[in-house]
PDB file of N, CA and C in Angstrom:
ATOM      1  N   MET A   1      -7.341 -10.869  -9.820  1.00  0.00           N
ATOM      2  CA  MET A   1      -6.805 -10.258  -8.699  1.00  0.00           C
ATOM      3  C   MET A   1      -5.382  -9.782  -8.824  1.00  0.00           C
ATOM      4  N   LYS A   2      -4.903  -8.157  -8.565  1.00  0.00           N
ATOM      5  CA  LYS A   2      -3.310  -8.120  -8.817  1.00  0.00           C
ATOM      6  C   LYS A   2      -2.839  -8.630  -7.700  1.00  0.00           C
ATOM      7  N   GLU A   3      -1.248  -9.075  -7.907  1.00  0.00           N
ATOM      8  CA  GLU A   3      -1.163  -9.450  -6.449  1.00  0.00           C
ATOM      9  C   GLU A   3       0.164  -8.594  -6.178  1.00  0.00           C
ATOM     10  N   PHE A   4       0.625  -8.239  -5.074  1.00  0.00           N
ATOM     11  CA  PHE A   4       1.257  -7.542  -4.374  1.00  0.00           C
ATOM     12  C   PHE A   4       2.028  -8.223  -3.157  1.00  0.00           C
ATOM     13  N   GLY A   5       2.708  -9.195  -3.480  1.00  0.00           N
ATOM     14  CA  GLY A   5       3.586 -10.249  -3.053  1.00  0.00           C
ATOM     15  C   GLY A   5       3.403 -10.563  -1.755  1.00  0.00           C
ATOM     16  N   MET A   6       1.813 -10.946  -0.998  1.00  0.00           N
ATOM     17  CA  MET A   6       1.545 -11.858   0.185  1.00  0.00           C
ATOM     18  C   MET A   6       2.231 -12.997   0.124  1.00  0.00           C
ATOM     19  N   PHE A   7       2.654 -13.570   0.798  1.00  0.00           N
ATOM     20  CA  PHE A   7       2.374 -15.505   1.128  1.00  0.00           C
ATOM     21  C   PHE A   7       1.210 -15.393   0.938  1.00  0.00           C
ATOM     22  N   THR A   8      -0.595 -15.646   0.836  1.00  0.00           N
ATOM     23  CA  THR A   8      -1.668 -15.953   0.796  1.00  0.00           C
ATOM     24  C   THR A   8      -2.990 -14.937   0.181  1.00  0.00           C
ATOM     25  N   VAL A   9      -3.342 -15.768  -0.774  1.00  0.00           N
ATOM     26  CA  VAL A   9      -4.614 -14.481  -1.365  1.00  0.00           C
ATOM     27  C   VAL A   9      -5.238 -13.893  -0.388  1.00  0.00           C
ATOM     28  N   GLU A  10      -5.172 -14.196   0.841  1.00  0.00           N
ATOM     29  CA  GLU A  10      -6.256 -13.529   1.450  1.00  0.00           C
ATOM     30  C   GLU A  10      -5.233 -12.314   1.642  1.00  0.00           C
ATOM     31  N   GLY A  11      -4.177 -12.312   1.844  1.00  0.00           N
ATOM     32  CA  GLY A  11      -2.867 -11.044   1.980  1.00  0.00           C
ATOM     33  C   GLY A  11      -2.942 -10.168   1.446  1.00  0.00           C
ATOM     34  N   ASP A  12      -3.323 -10.765   0.133  1.00  0.00           N
ATOM     35  CA  ASP A  12      -3.120  -9.899  -1.092  1.00  0.00           C
ATOM     36  C   ASP A  12      -4.933  -8.999  -1.327  1.00  0.00           C
ATOM     37  N   GLN A  13      -5.265  -9.607  -0.781  1.00  0.00           N
ATOM     38  CA  GLN A  13      -7.034  -9.438  -0.741  1.00  0.00           C
ATOM     39  C   GLN A  13      -6.792  -8.042   0.090  1.00  0.00           C
ATOM     40  N   LEU A  14      -6.124  -8.625   1.352  1.00  0.00           N
ATOM     41  CA  LEU A  14      -6.001  -7.429   2.207  1.00  0.00           C
ATOM     42  C   LEU A  14      -5.325  -5.840   2.194  1.00  0.00           C
ATOM     43  N   VAL A  15      -3.979  -6.363   1.187  1.00  0.00           N
ATOM     44  CA  VAL A  15      -3.256  -5.521   0.939  1.00  0.00           C
ATOM     45  C   VAL A  15      -3.912  -4.480  -0.697  1.00  0.00           C
ATOM     46  N   SER A  16      -5.215  -5.140  -1.469  1.00  0.00           N
ATOM     47  CA  SER A  16      -5.864  -4.498  -2.405  1.00  0.00           C
ATOM     48  C   SER A  16      -6.391  -3.323  -1.717  1.00  0.00           C
ATOM     49  N   ARG A  17      -7.522  -3.589  -1.075  1.00  0.00           N
ATOM     50  CA  ARG A  17      -8.008  -2.761  -0.180  1.00  0.00           C
ATOM     51  C   ARG A  17      -7.230  -1.713   0.244  1.00  0.00           C
ATOM     52  N   ILE A  18      -6.074  -2.003   0.978  1.00  0.00           N
ATOM     53  CA  ILE A  18      -5.136  -0.735   1.336  1.00  0.00           C
ATOM     54  C   ILE A  18      -4.995  -0.032   0.012  1.00  0.00           C
ATOM     55  N   ALA A  19      -4.327  -0.429  -1.242  1.00  0.00           N
ATOM     56  CA  ALA A  19      -3.829   0.381  -2.425  1.00  0.00           C
ATOM     57  C   ALA A  19      -5.403   0.793  -2.764  1.00  0.00           C
ATOM     58  N   THR A  20      -6.531   0.672  -2.765  1.00  0.00           N
ATOM     59  CA  THR A  20      -7.327   1.208  -3.551  1.00  0.00           C
ATOM     60  C   THR A  20      -8.143   1.878  -2.846  1.00  0.00           C
ATOM     61  N   ALA A  21      -7.846   1.984  -1.948  1.00  0.00           N
ATOM     62  CA  ALA A  21      -8.396   3.315  -0.566  1.00  0.00           C
ATOM     63  C   ALA A  21      -7.239   4.305  -0.544  1.00  0.00           C
ATOM     64  N   GLY A  22      -5.851   4.014  -1.362  1.00  0.00           N
ATOM     65  CA  GLY A  22      -5.109   5.255  -1.021  1.00  0.00           C
ATOM     66  C   GLY A  22      -4.710   5.579  -2.805  1.00  0.00           C
ATOM     67  N   GLU A  23      -4.809   4.708  -3.519  1.00  0.00           N
ATOM     68  CA  GLU A  23      -5.588   5.904  -4.888  1.00  0.00           C
ATOM     69  C   GLU A  23      -6.855   6.281  -4.680  1.00  0.00           C
ATOM     70  N   LYS A  24      -7.928   6.282  -4.190  1.00  0.00           N
ATOM     71  CA  LYS A  24      -8.682   7.282  -3.678  1.00  0.00           C
ATOM     72  C   LYS A  24      -8.192   8.351  -3.426  1.00  0.00           C
ATOM     73  N   LEU A  25      -7.990   7.738  -2.037  1.00  0.00           N
ATOM     74  CA  LEU A  25      -6.781   9.301  -0.805  1.00  0.00           C
ATOM     75  C   LEU A  25      -5.777   9.921  -2.064  1.00  0.00           C
ATOM     76  N   ALA A  26      -5.051   9.601  -2.727  1.00  0.00           N
ATOM     77  CA  ALA A  26      -4.258   9.994  -3.904  1.00  0.00           C
ATOM     78  C   ALA A  26      -5.321  11.060  -4.716  1.00  0.00           C
ATOM     79  N   LEU A  27      -5.752  11.258  -5.388  1.00  0.00           N
ATOM     80  CA  LEU A  27      -6.970  11.614  -5.641  1.00  0.00           C
ATOM     81  C   LEU A  27      -6.975  12.966  -5.016  1.00  0.00           C
ATOM     82  N   GLU A  28      -7.363  13.197  -4.213  1.00  0.00           N
ATOM     83  CA  GLU A  28      -8.093  14.088  -2.971  1.00  0.00           C
ATOM     84  C   GLU A  28      -7.453  14.343  -2.376  1.00  0.00           C
ATOM     85  N   ASP A  29      -5.833  14.168  -1.910  1.00  0.00           N
ATOM     86  CA  ASP A  29      -5.296  14.568  -1.056  1.00  0.00           C
ATOM     87  C   ASP A  29      -3.432  15.066  -1.686  1.00  0.00           C
ATOM     88  N   GLY A  30      -3.108  14.055  -2.888  1.00  0.00           N
ATOM     89  CA  GLY A  30      -2.066  14.057  -3.554  1.00  0.00           C
ATOM     90  C   GLY A  30      -1.218  12.608  -2.815  1.00  0.00           C
ATOM     91  N   ALA A  31      -0.058  12.799  -3.199  1.00  0.00           N
ATOM     92  CA  ALA A  31       0.678  10.753  -3.361  1.00  0.00           C
ATOM     93  C   ALA A  31       1.378  11.293  -1.462  1.00  0.00           C
ATOM     94  N   SER A  32       1.305  12.476  -1.167  1.00  0.00           N
ATOM     95  CA  SER A  32       2.264  12.341   0.174  1.00  0.00           C
ATOM     96  C   SER A  32       1.510  11.732   1.221  1.00  0.00           C
ATOM     97  N   SER A  33       0.371  12.509   1.388  1.00  0.00           N
ATOM     98  CA  SER A  33      -0.769  12.007   2.397  1.00  0.00           C
ATOM     99  C   SER A  33      -1.082  10.592   2.139  1.00  0.00           C
ATOM    100  N   ALA A  34      -1.214  10.309   1.193  1.00  0.00           N
ATOM    101  CA  ALA A  34      -1.840   9.171   0.365  1.00  0.00           C
ATOM    102  C   ALA A  34      -1.420   7.922   0.691  1.00  0.00           C
ATOM    103  N   TRP A  35       0.505   8.596   0.582  1.00  0.00           N
ATOM    104  CA  TRP A  35       1.584   7.115   0.734  1.00  0.00           C
ATOM    105  C   TRP A  35       1.311   7.038   2.036  1.00  0.00           C
ATOM    106  N   ALA A  36       1.525   7.914   2.971  1.00  0.00           N
ATOM    107  CA  ALA A  36       1.419   8.332   4.393  1.00  0.00           C
ATOM    108  C   ALA A  36       0.948   7.155   4.794  1.00  0.00           C
ATOM    109  N   TRP A  37      -0.619   7.408   4.827  1.00  0.00           N
ATOM    110  CA  TRP A  37      -1.269   6.884   5.148  1.00  0.00           C
ATOM    111  C   TRP A  37      -1.774   5.027   5.078  1.00  0.00           C
ATOM    112  N   ALA A  38      -1.442   4.949   3.701  1.00  0.00           N
ATOM    113  CA  ALA A  38      -0.809   2.934   2.969  1.00  0.00           C
ATOM    114  C   ALA A  38      -0.455   2.688   3.448  1.00  0.00           C
ATOM    115  N   TYR A  39       0.741   3.629   3.561  1.00  0.00           N
ATOM    116  CA  TYR A  39       2.434   3.089   4.600  1.00  0.00           C
ATOM    117  C   TYR A  39       1.729   2.001   6.533  1.00  0.00           C
ATOM    118  N   ARG A  40       1.238   3.440   6.630  1.00  0.00           N
ATOM    119  CA  ARG A  40       0.454   2.591   7.845  1.00  0.00           C
ATOM    120  C   ARG A  40      -0.156   1.783   8.416  1.00  0.00           C
ATOM    121  N   GLU A  41      -0.976   2.099   7.534  1.00  0.00           N
ATOM    122  CA  GLU A  41      -1.870   0.405   7.090  1.00  0.00           C
ATOM    123  C   GLU A  41      -1.205  -0.702   6.869  1.00  0.00           C
ATOM    124  N   LEU A  42      -0.762  -0.378   6.260  1.00  0.00           N
ATOM    125  CA  LEU A  42       1.030  -1.789   6.109  1.00  0.00           C
ATOM    126  C   LEU A  42       0.986  -1.979   7.176  1.00  0.00           C
ATOM    127  N   GLN A  43       1.646  -1.383   7.972  1.00  0.00           N
ATOM    128  CA  GLN A  43       2.220  -1.188   9.151  1.00  0.00           C
ATOM    129  C   GLN A  43       1.351  -2.150   9.557  1.00  0.00           C
ATOM    130  N   LYS A  44       0.433  -1.711  10.836  1.00  0.00           N
ATOM    131  CA  LYS A  44      -0.984  -2.468  10.850  1.00  0.00           C
ATOM    132  C   LYS A  44      -1.409  -4.417  10.567  1.00  0.00           C
ATOM    133  N   LEU A  45      -1.056  -3.531   9.551  1.00  0.00           N
ATOM    134  CA  LEU A  45      -1.369  -4.766   8.451  1.00  0.00           C
ATOM    135  C   LEU A  45      -0.406  -6.154   9.187  1.00  0.00           C
ATOM    136  N   ALA A  46       0.752  -5.993   8.890  1.00  0.00           N
ATOM    137  CA  ALA A  46       1.742  -6.799   9.258  1.00  0.00           C
ATOM    138  C   ALA A  46       2.354  -7.134  10.748  1.00  0.00           C
ATOM    139  N   THR A  47       0.889  -6.424  11.740  1.00  0.00           N
ATOM    140  CA  THR A  47       1.214  -6.980  13.132  1.00  0.00           C
ATOM    141  C   THR A  47       0.253  -7.984  13.527  1.00  0.00           C
ATOM    142  N   ALA A  48      -0.601  -7.842  12.385  1.00  0.00           N
ATOM    143  CA  ALA A  48      -1.513  -9.193  12.605  1.00  0.00           C
ATOM    144  C   ALA A  48      -0.730 -10.976  11.979  1.00  0.00           C
ATOM    145  N   GLU A  49      -1.169 -11.557  12.839  1.00  0.00           N
ATOM    146  CA  GLU A  49      -0.490 -12.974  13.204  1.00  0.00           C
ATOM    147  C   GLU A  49      -0.623 -13.348  11.467  1.00  0.00           C
ATOM    148  N   GLY A  50       0.689 -13.626  10.713  1.00  0.00           N
ATOM    149  CA  GLY A  50       0.285 -14.230   9.174  1.00  0.00           C
ATOM    150  C   GLY A  50       0.206 -13.291   8.005  1.00  0.00           C
ATOM    151  N   PHE A  51       0.675 -11.537   8.433  1.00  0.00           N
ATOM    152  CA  PHE A  51       0.902 -11.268   7.401  1.00  0.00           C
ATOM    153  C   PHE A  51       2.159 -10.080   7.629  1.00  0.00           C
ATOM    154  N   GLY A  52       3.019 -10.926   8.209  1.00  0.00           N
ATOM    155  CA  GLY A  52       3.867  -9.897   8.440  1.00  0.00           C
ATOM    156  C   GLY A  52       4.571  -9.497   7.190  1.00  0.00           C
ATOM    157  N   GLU A  53       4.513 -10.423   6.491  1.00  0.00           N
ATOM    158  CA  GLU A  53       5.849  -9.650   4.904  1.00  0.00           C
ATOM    159  C   GLU A  53       4.944  -8.462   4.605  1.00  0.00           C
ATOM    160  N   ALA A  54       3.531  -8.126   5.246  1.00  0.00           N
ATOM    161  CA  ALA A  54       3.002  -6.375   4.417  1.00  0.00           C
ATOM    162  C   ALA A  54       3.802  -5.389   4.509  1.00  0.00           C
ATOM    163  N   THR A  55       5.281  -5.491   5.110  1.00  0.00           N
ATOM    164  CA  THR A  55       6.085  -4.478   4.939  1.00  0.00           C
ATOM    165  C   THR A  55       7.111  -4.348   4.677  1.00  0.00           C
ATOM    166  N   ASP A  56       7.343  -5.722   3.512  1.00  0.00           N
ATOM    167  CA  ASP A  56       8.664  -6.409   3.095  1.00  0.00           C
ATOM    168  C   ASP A  56       8.577  -5.544   1.892  1.00  0.00           C
ATOM    169  N   THR A  57       9.110  -4.818   1.558  1.00  0.00           N
ATOM    170  CA  THR A  57       9.835  -3.648   0.688  1.00  0.00           C
ATOM    171  C   THR A  57       9.060  -4.182  -0.928  1.00  0.00           C
ATOM    172  N   ALA A  58       9.202  -5.690  -1.225  1.00  0.00           N
ATOM    173  CA  ALA A  58       8.003  -5.633  -2.434  1.00  0.00           C
ATOM    174  C   ALA A  58       7.039  -5.254  -2.347  1.00  0.00           C
ATOM    175  N   VAL A  59       6.335  -5.071  -1.000  1.00  0.00           N
ATOM    176  CA  VAL A  59       4.997  -4.724  -1.383  1.00  0.00           C
ATOM    177  C   VAL A  59       4.791  -3.735  -0.928  1.00  0.00           C
ATOM    178  N   ARG A  60       5.418  -2.693  -0.175  1.00  0.00           N
ATOM    179  CA  ARG A  60       5.631  -1.460  -0.127  1.00  0.00           C
ATOM    180  C   ARG A  60       5.923  -1.195  -2.081  1.00  0.00           C
ATOM    181  N   GLU A  61       6.941  -1.524  -2.239  1.00  0.00           N
ATOM    182  CA  GLU A  61       6.782  -1.129  -3.882  1.00  0.00           C
ATOM    183  C   GLU A  61       5.925  -0.775  -4.323  1.00  0.00           C
ATOM    184  N   ILE A  62       4.891  -1.925  -4.578  1.00  0.00           N
ATOM    185  CA  ILE A  62       3.431  -2.329  -5.672  1.00  0.00           C
ATOM    186  C   ILE A  62       2.830  -0.953  -4.934  1.00  0.00           C
ATOM    187  N   VAL A  63       2.561  -1.017  -3.561  1.00  0.00           N
ATOM    188  CA  VAL A  63       1.301  -0.217  -3.364  1.00  0.00           C
ATOM    189  C   VAL A  63       1.704   0.827  -3.641  1.00  0.00           C
ATOM    190  N   TYR A  64       3.277   2.007  -3.301  1.00  0.00           N
ATOM    191  CA  TYR A  64       3.596   2.871  -3.447  1.00  0.00           C
ATOM    192  C   TYR A  64       3.432   3.405  -5.389  1.00  0.00           C
ATOM    193  N   SER A  65       3.445   2.310  -5.885  1.00  0.00           N
ATOM    194  CA  SER A  65       3.198   2.446  -7.224  1.00  0.00           C
ATOM    195  C   SER A  65       2.690   3.225  -7.892  1.00  0.00           C
ATOM    196  N   ASP A  66       1.622   2.517  -7.346  1.00  0.00           N
ATOM    197  CA  ASP A  66      -0.302   2.183  -7.105  1.00  0.00           C
ATOM    198  C   ASP A  66      -0.884   4.162  -7.077  1.00  0.00           C
ATOM    199  N   VAL A  67      -0.142   3.888  -5.742  1.00  0.00           N
ATOM    200  CA  VAL A  67      -0.944   5.425  -4.558  1.00  0.00           C
ATOM    201  C   VAL A  67      -0.346   6.921  -5.755  1.00  0.00           C
ATOM    202  N   VAL A  68       1.088   6.361  -5.817  1.00  0.00           N
ATOM    203  CA  VAL A  68       1.706   7.890  -7.016  1.00  0.00           C
ATOM    204  C   VAL A  68       0.637   8.088  -8.046  1.00  0.00           C
ATOM    205  N   ALA A  69       0.910   6.600  -8.811  1.00  0.00           N
ATOM    206  CA  ALA A  69       0.520   6.632 -10.137  1.00  0.00           C
ATOM    207  C   ALA A  69      -1.345   7.710  -9.890  1.00  0.00           C
ATOM    208  N   ALA A  70      -2.012   6.880  -9.181  1.00  0.00           N
ATOM    209  CA  ALA A  70      -3.126   7.467  -9.265  1.00  0.00           C
ATOM    210  C   ALA A  70      -2.826   8.952  -8.616  1.00  0.00           C
ATOM    211  N   ALA A  71      -2.461   9.599  -8.106  1.00  0.00           N
ATOM    212  CA  ALA A  71      -2.187  11.434  -8.076  1.00  0.00           C
ATOM    213  C   ALA A  71      -1.164  11.444  -9.477  1.00  0.00           C
ATOM    214  N   ASP A  72      -1.011  10.843  -9.416  1.00  0.00           N
ATOM    215  CA  ASP A  72       0.029  11.350 -11.098  1.00  0.00           C
ATOM    216  C   ASP A  72       0.474  12.322 -10.565  1.00  0.00           C
ATOM    217  N   ASP A  73       1.616  11.882  -9.518  1.00  0.00           N
ATOM    218  CA  ASP A  73       2.233  12.533  -8.500  1.00  0.00           C
ATOM    219  C   ASP A  73       3.531  12.041  -8.334  1.00  0.00           C
ATOM    220  N   THR A  74       4.520  12.275  -6.893  1.00  0.00           N
ATOM    221  CA  THR A  74       5.088  11.340  -6.829  1.00  0.00           C
ATOM    222  C   THR A  74       5.975  11.765  -5.321  1.00  0.00           C
ATOM    223  N   CYS A  75       6.242  11.032  -4.305  1.00  0.00           N
ATOM    224  CA  CYS A  75       6.952  11.868  -3.317  1.00  0.00           C
ATOM    225  C   CYS A  75       7.832  10.535  -2.720  1.00  0.00           C
ATOM    226  N   ASP A  76       8.632  10.891  -1.480  1.00  0.00           N
ATOM    227  CA  ASP A  76       9.970   9.727  -0.937  1.00  0.00           C
ATOM    228  C   ASP A  76       8.978   8.972  -0.590  1.00  0.00           C
ATOM    229  N   PHE A  77       9.787   7.638  -0.834  1.00  0.00           N
ATOM    230  CA  PHE A  77       8.973   5.982  -0.619  1.00  0.00           C
ATOM    231  C   PHE A  77       8.899   6.161   0.395  1.00  0.00           C
ATOM    232  N   TYR A  78      10.665   6.405   1.144  1.00  0.00           N
ATOM    233  CA  TYR A  78      11.230   6.069   2.678  1.00  0.00           C
ATOM    234  C   TYR A  78      10.456   7.481   3.253  1.00  0.00           C
ATOM    235  N   LEU A  79       9.683   7.210   4.560  1.00  0.00           N
ATOM    236  CA  LEU A  79       9.037   8.066   5.348  1.00  0.00           C
ATOM    237  C   LEU A  79       9.639   8.212   7.049  1.00  0.00           C
TER     238      LEU A  79
END
């Protein structure tokens, strides 16, 4: 399993689900829309107890890279 910089395996699994869905969305709607969605999902996850690091820069950078690579496109990292 790919690591996303979360502190637990469970955290990496949850972020992996976000990244995978973001990649699929990127293929349909482009990088900008998909990244905005994935970032919102990371923010939601960060509010759950034990997953506050979901919005750490390292985690966001990995998810961002996956999303924009799937779209073969780019968009602003900072929303």
